[in-house]
């Protein structure tokens, strides 16, 4: 069985793609505001905003 590596999405907070997925699947995160409140993503340098938004949309669709 192959395991995918976690990818750090936000360098400022250390938030990974797997953390975002887990939060969305748990129902704790319904939109970007929820994710920002819990993790702080996009509030540092802002360089992750596109990637975070894409991941959030991807995980909400599944």
PDB file of N, CA and C in Angstrom:
ATOM      1  N   UNK A   1       0.841  -1.173   0.000  1.00  0.00           N
ATOM      2  CA  UNK A   1       0.000   0.000   0.000  1.00  0.00           C
ATOM      3  C   UNK A   1       0.892   1.243   0.000  1.00  0.00           C
ATOM      4  N   UNK A   2       0.580   2.191  -0.861  1.00  0.00           N
ATOM      5  CA  UNK A   2       1.344   3.423  -0.946  1.00  0.00           C
ATOM      6  C   UNK A   2       0.696   4.502  -0.107  1.00  0.00           C
ATOM      7  N   UNK A   3       1.498   5.243   0.595  1.00  0.00           N
ATOM      8  CA  UNK A   3       0.997   6.346   1.405  1.00  0.00           C
ATOM      9  C   UNK A   3       1.455   7.651   0.782  1.00  0.00           C
ATOM     10  N   UNK A   4       0.532   8.586   0.684  1.00  0.00           N
ATOM     11  CA  UNK A   4       0.918   9.883   0.144  1.00  0.00           C
ATOM     12  C   UNK A   4       1.518  10.721   1.274  1.00  0.00           C
ATOM     13  N   UNK A   5       2.470  11.529   0.906  1.00  0.00           N
ATOM     14  CA  UNK A   5       3.115  12.407   1.881  1.00  0.00           C
ATOM     15  C   UNK A   5       2.219  13.608   2.146  1.00  0.00           C
ATOM     16  N   UNK A   6       2.336  14.110   3.365  1.00  0.00           N
ATOM     17  CA  UNK A   6       1.651  15.362   3.661  1.00  0.00           C
ATOM     18  C   UNK A   6       2.409  16.479   2.965  1.00  0.00           C
ATOM     19  N   UNK A   7       1.665  17.420   2.457  1.00  0.00           N
ATOM     20  CA  UNK A   7       2.278  18.566   1.802  1.00  0.00           C
ATOM     21  C   UNK A   7       1.949  19.805   2.630  1.00  0.00           C
ATOM     22  N   UNK A   8       2.981  20.522   3.039  1.00  0.00           N
ATOM     23  CA  UNK A   8       2.754  21.760   3.764  1.00  0.00           C
ATOM     24  C   UNK A   8       2.189  22.782   2.786  1.00  0.00           C
ATOM     25  N   UNK A   9       1.013  23.287   3.112  1.00  0.00           N
ATOM     26  CA  UNK A   9       0.330  24.232   2.237  1.00  0.00           C
ATOM     27  C   UNK A   9       0.621  25.663   2.667  1.00  0.00           C
ATOM     28  N   UNK A  10       0.699  25.874   3.976  1.00  0.00           N
ATOM     29  CA  UNK A  10       0.959  27.206   4.523  1.00  0.00           C
ATOM     30  C   UNK A  10       2.236  27.146   5.352  1.00  0.00           C
ATOM     31  N   UNK A  11       3.286  27.753   4.841  1.00  0.00           N
ATOM     32  CA  UNK A  11       4.560  27.758   5.556  1.00  0.00           C
ATOM     33  C   UNK A  11       4.492  28.571   6.845  1.00  0.00           C
ATOM     34  N   UNK A  12       3.685  29.604   6.861  1.00  0.00           N
ATOM     35  CA  UNK A  12       3.605  30.470   8.044  1.00  0.00           C
ATOM     36  C   UNK A  12       3.007  29.746   9.248  1.00  0.00           C
ATOM     37  N   UNK A  13       2.029  28.869   9.011  1.00  0.00           N
ATOM     38  CA  UNK A  13       1.367  28.170  10.120  1.00  0.00           C
ATOM     39  C   UNK A  13       1.733  26.694  10.187  1.00  0.00           C
ATOM     40  N   UNK A  14       2.376  26.192   9.125  1.00  0.00           N
ATOM     41  CA  UNK A  14       2.719  24.773   9.082  1.00  0.00           C
ATOM     42  C   UNK A  14       1.543  23.871   8.768  1.00  0.00           C
ATOM     43  N   UNK A  15       0.465  24.435   8.284  1.00  0.00           N
ATOM     44  CA  UNK A  15      -0.743  23.675   7.960  1.00  0.00           C
ATOM     45  C   UNK A  15      -0.516  22.825   6.721  1.00  0.00           C
ATOM     46  N   UNK A  16      -0.948  21.561   6.792  1.00  0.00           N
ATOM     47  CA  UNK A  16      -0.760  20.627   5.679  1.00  0.00           C
ATOM     48  C   UNK A  16      -2.078  20.339   4.973  1.00  0.00           C
ATOM     49  N   UNK A  17      -1.940  19.744   3.785  1.00  0.00           N
ATOM     50  CA  UNK A  17      -3.131  19.364   3.022  1.00  0.00           C
ATOM     51  C   UNK A  17      -3.961  18.335   3.788  1.00  0.00           C
ATOM     52  N   UNK A  18      -3.308  17.425   4.498  1.00  0.00           N
ATOM     53  CA  UNK A  18      -4.046  16.405   5.246  1.00  0.00           C
ATOM     54  C   UNK A  18      -4.806  17.016   6.421  1.00  0.00           C
ATOM     55  N   UNK A  19      -4.252  18.043   7.041  1.00  0.00           N
ATOM     56  CA  UNK A  19      -4.964  18.718   8.124  1.00  0.00           C
ATOM     57  C   UNK A  19      -6.226  19.390   7.592  1.00  0.00           C
ATOM     58  N   UNK A  20      -6.108  20.030   6.449  1.00  0.00           N
ATOM     59  CA  UNK A  20      -7.273  20.691   5.843  1.00  0.00           C
ATOM     60  C   UNK A  20      -8.329  19.653   5.493  1.00  0.00           C
ATOM     61  N   UNK A  21      -7.906  18.558   4.891  1.00  0.00           N
ATOM     62  CA  UNK A  21      -8.839  17.492   4.523  1.00  0.00           C
ATOM     63  C   UNK A  21      -9.573  16.961   5.758  1.00  0.00           C
ATOM     64  N   UNK A  22      -8.834  16.721   6.815  1.00  0.00           N
ATOM     65  CA  UNK A  22      -9.427  16.190   8.043  1.00  0.00           C
ATOM     66  C   UNK A  22     -10.446  17.171   8.634  1.00  0.00           C
ATOM     67  N   UNK A  23     -10.117  18.453   8.631  1.00  0.00           N
ATOM     68  CA  UNK A  23     -11.037  19.459   9.167  1.00  0.00           C
ATOM     69  C   UNK A  23     -12.318  19.561   8.336  1.00  0.00           C
ATOM     70  N   UNK A  24     -12.181  19.498   7.011  1.00  0.00           N
ATOM     71  CA  UNK A  24     -13.356  19.561   6.133  1.00  0.00           C
ATOM     72  C   UNK A  24     -14.223  18.323   6.332  1.00  0.00           C
ATOM     73  N   UNK A  25     -13.603  17.152   6.325  1.00  0.00           N
ATOM     74  CA  UNK A  25     -14.348  15.895   6.468  1.00  0.00           C
ATOM     75  C   UNK A  25     -15.021  15.779   7.830  1.00  0.00           C
ATOM     76  N   UNK A  26     -14.447  16.394   8.869  1.00  0.00           N
ATOM     77  CA  UNK A  26     -15.031  16.330  10.212  1.00  0.00           C
ATOM     78  C   UNK A  26     -16.247  17.244  10.348  1.00  0.00           C
ATOM     79  N   UNK A  27     -16.405  18.164   9.389  1.00  0.00           N
ATOM     80  CA  UNK A  27     -17.520  19.096   9.447  1.00  0.00           C
ATOM     81  C   UNK A  27     -17.191  20.377  10.194  1.00  0.00           C
ATOM     82  N   UNK A  28     -15.987  20.474  10.728  1.00  0.00           N
ATOM     83  CA  UNK A  28     -15.588  21.678  11.461  1.00  0.00           C
ATOM     84  C   UNK A  28     -15.340  22.856  10.534  1.00  0.00           C
ATOM     85  N   UNK A  29     -14.993  22.578   9.281  1.00  0.00           N
ATOM     86  CA  UNK A  29     -14.699  23.631   8.318  1.00  0.00           C
ATOM     87  C   UNK A  29     -15.680  23.535   7.163  1.00  0.00           C
ATOM     88  N   UNK A  30     -16.431  24.606   6.978  1.00  0.00           N
ATOM     89  CA  UNK A  30     -17.394  24.660   5.885  1.00  0.00           C
ATOM     90  C   UNK A  30     -16.972  25.680   4.822  1.00  0.00           C
ATOM     91  N   UNK A  31     -16.133  26.640   5.228  1.00  0.00           N
ATOM     92  CA  UNK A  31     -15.685  27.662   4.285  1.00  0.00           C
ATOM     93  C   UNK A  31     -14.315  28.190   4.704  1.00  0.00           C
ATOM     94  N   UNK A  32     -13.793  29.111   3.929  1.00  0.00           N
ATOM     95  CA  UNK A  32     -12.460  29.643   4.177  1.00  0.00           C
ATOM     96  C   UNK A  32     -12.385  30.341   5.530  1.00  0.00           C
ATOM     97  N   UNK A  33     -13.425  31.057   5.918  1.00  0.00           N
ATOM     98  CA  UNK A  33     -13.419  31.735   7.214  1.00  0.00           C
ATOM     99  C   UNK A  33     -13.228  30.750   8.359  1.00  0.00           C
ATOM    100  N   UNK A  34     -13.914  29.606   8.294  1.00  0.00           N
ATOM    101  CA  UNK A  34     -13.746  28.568   9.322  1.00  0.00           C
ATOM    102  C   UNK A  34     -12.299  28.087   9.362  1.00  0.00           C
ATOM    103  N   UNK A  35     -11.742  27.831   8.190  1.00  0.00           N
ATOM    104  CA  UNK A  35     -10.380  27.321   8.100  1.00  0.00           C
ATOM    105  C   UNK A  35      -9.373  28.331   8.646  1.00  0.00           C
ATOM    106  N   UNK A  36      -9.562  29.584   8.323  1.00  0.00           N
ATOM    107  CA  UNK A  36      -8.676  30.640   8.809  1.00  0.00           C
ATOM    108  C   UNK A  36      -8.769  30.745  10.331  1.00  0.00           C
ATOM    109  N   UNK A  37      -9.978  30.666  10.873  1.00  0.00           N
ATOM    110  CA  UNK A  37     -10.170  30.761  12.319  1.00  0.00           C
ATOM    111  C   UNK A  37      -9.467  29.639  13.069  1.00  0.00           C
ATOM    112  N   UNK A  38      -9.501  28.450  12.505  1.00  0.00           N
ATOM    113  CA  UNK A  38      -8.924  27.285  13.174  1.00  0.00           C
ATOM    114  C   UNK A  38      -7.418  27.190  12.974  1.00  0.00           C
ATOM    115  N   UNK A  39      -6.942  27.452  11.754  1.00  0.00           N
ATOM    116  CA  UNK A  39      -5.529  27.208  11.440  1.00  0.00           C
ATOM    117  C   UNK A  39      -4.686  28.465  11.274  1.00  0.00           C
ATOM    118  N   UNK A  40      -5.306  29.568  10.912  1.00  0.00           N
ATOM    119  CA  UNK A  40      -4.565  30.795  10.649  1.00  0.00           C
ATOM    120  C   UNK A  40      -4.010  30.893   9.239  1.00  0.00           C
ATOM    121  N   UNK A  41      -4.330  29.913   8.384  1.00  0.00           N
ATOM    122  CA  UNK A  41      -3.829  29.957   7.005  1.00  0.00           C
ATOM    123  C   UNK A  41      -4.228  31.258   6.340  1.00  0.00           C
ATOM    124  N   UNK A  42      -3.432  31.696   5.425  1.00  0.00           N
ATOM    125  CA  UNK A  42      -3.583  32.917   4.608  1.00  0.00           C
ATOM    126  C   UNK A  42      -3.408  34.214   5.394  1.00  0.00           C
ATOM    127  N   UNK A  43      -3.144  34.149   6.686  1.00  0.00           N
ATOM    128  CA  UNK A  43      -3.038  35.373   7.483  1.00  0.00           C
ATOM    129  C   UNK A  43      -1.605  35.864   7.653  1.00  0.00           C
ATOM    130  N   UNK A  44      -0.630  35.057   7.248  1.00  0.00           N
ATOM    131  CA  UNK A  44       0.771  35.479   7.349  1.00  0.00           C
ATOM    132  C   UNK A  44       1.158  36.231   6.102  1.00  0.00           C
ATOM    133  N   UNK A  45       1.922  35.595   5.252  1.00  0.00           N
ATOM    134  CA  UNK A  45       2.397  36.246   4.029  1.00  0.00           C
ATOM    135  C   UNK A  45       1.335  36.263   2.927  1.00  0.00           C
ATOM    136  N   UNK A  46       0.354  35.344   3.014  1.00  0.00           N
ATOM    137  CA  UNK A  46      -0.712  35.295   2.011  1.00  0.00           C
ATOM    138  C   UNK A  46      -0.354  34.508   0.763  1.00  0.00           C
ATOM    139  N   UNK A  47       0.836  33.935   0.718  1.00  0.00           N
ATOM    140  CA  UNK A  47       1.274  33.208  -0.462  1.00  0.00           C
ATOM    141  C   UNK A  47       0.549  31.901  -0.714  1.00  0.00           C
ATOM    142  N   UNK A  48      -0.211  31.430   0.264  1.00  0.00           N
ATOM    143  CA  UNK A  48      -0.886  30.135   0.135  1.00  0.00           C
ATOM    144  C   UNK A  48      -2.357  30.265  -0.239  1.00  0.00           C
ATOM    145  N   UNK A  49      -2.848  31.476  -0.387  1.00  0.00           N
ATOM    146  CA  UNK A  49      -4.298  31.665  -0.541  1.00  0.00           C
ATOM    147  C   UNK A  49      -4.902  30.894  -1.708  1.00  0.00           C
ATOM    148  N   UNK A  50      -4.240  30.853  -2.836  1.00  0.00           N
ATOM    149  CA  UNK A  50      -4.776  30.127  -3.997  1.00  0.00           C
ATOM    150  C   UNK A  50      -4.795  28.623  -3.722  1.00  0.00           C
ATOM    151  N   UNK A  51      -3.681  28.091  -3.198  1.00  0.00           N
ATOM    152  CA  UNK A  51      -3.600  26.652  -2.911  1.00  0.00           C
ATOM    153  C   UNK A  51      -4.617  26.241  -1.849  1.00  0.00           C
ATOM    154  N   UNK A  52      -4.759  27.043  -0.820  1.00  0.00           N
ATOM    155  CA  UNK A  52      -5.710  26.733   0.248  1.00  0.00           C
ATOM    156  C   UNK A  52      -7.136  26.724  -0.293  1.00  0.00           C
ATOM    157  N   UNK A  53      -7.475  27.701  -1.093  1.00  0.00           N
ATOM    158  CA  UNK A  53      -8.818  27.780  -1.667  1.00  0.00           C
ATOM    159  C   UNK A  53      -9.098  26.584  -2.570  1.00  0.00           C
ATOM    160  N   UNK A  54      -8.125  26.209  -3.383  1.00  0.00           N
ATOM    161  CA  UNK A  54      -8.289  25.051  -4.267  1.00  0.00           C
ATOM    162  C   UNK A  54      -8.482  23.763  -3.474  1.00  0.00           C
ATOM    163  N   UNK A  55      -7.677  23.568  -2.424  1.00  0.00           N
ATOM    164  CA  UNK A  55      -7.823  22.371  -1.591  1.00  0.00           C
ATOM    165  C   UNK A  55      -9.162  22.350  -0.881  1.00  0.00           C
ATOM    166  N   UNK A  56      -9.557  23.477  -0.345  1.00  0.00           N
ATOM    167  CA  UNK A  56     -10.842  23.562   0.345  1.00  0.00           C
ATOM    168  C   UNK A  56     -11.981  23.183  -0.590  1.00  0.00           C
ATOM    169  N   UNK A  57     -11.977  23.704  -1.788  1.00  0.00           N
ATOM    170  CA  UNK A  57     -13.013  23.371  -2.772  1.00  0.00           C
ATOM    171  C   UNK A  57     -12.964  21.891  -3.154  1.00  0.00           C
ATOM    172  N   UNK A  58     -11.773  21.374  -3.329  1.00  0.00           N
ATOM    173  CA  UNK A  58     -11.607  19.960  -3.686  1.00  0.00           C
ATOM    174  C   UNK A  58     -12.176  19.042  -2.597  1.00  0.00           C
ATOM    175  N   UNK A  59     -11.823  19.301  -1.347  1.00  0.00           N
ATOM    176  CA  UNK A  59     -12.256  18.433  -0.267  1.00  0.00           C
ATOM    177  C   UNK A  59     -13.743  18.584   0.056  1.00  0.00           C
ATOM    178  N   UNK A  60     -14.324  19.749  -0.213  1.00  0.00           N
ATOM    179  CA  UNK A  60     -15.773  19.929   0.022  1.00  0.00           C
ATOM    180  C   UNK A  60     -16.596  19.188  -1.017  1.00  0.00           C
ATOM    181  N   UNK A  61     -16.044  18.996  -2.215  1.00  0.00           N
ATOM    182  CA  UNK A  61     -16.777  18.306  -3.277  1.00  0.00           C
ATOM    183  C   UNK A  61     -16.875  16.805  -3.053  1.00  0.00           C
ATOM    184  N   UNK A  62     -15.918  16.244  -2.347  1.00  0.00           N
ATOM    185  CA  UNK A  62     -15.866  14.792  -2.179  1.00  0.00           C
ATOM    186  C   UNK A  62     -16.800  14.320  -1.108  1.00  0.00           C
TER     187      UNK A  62
END
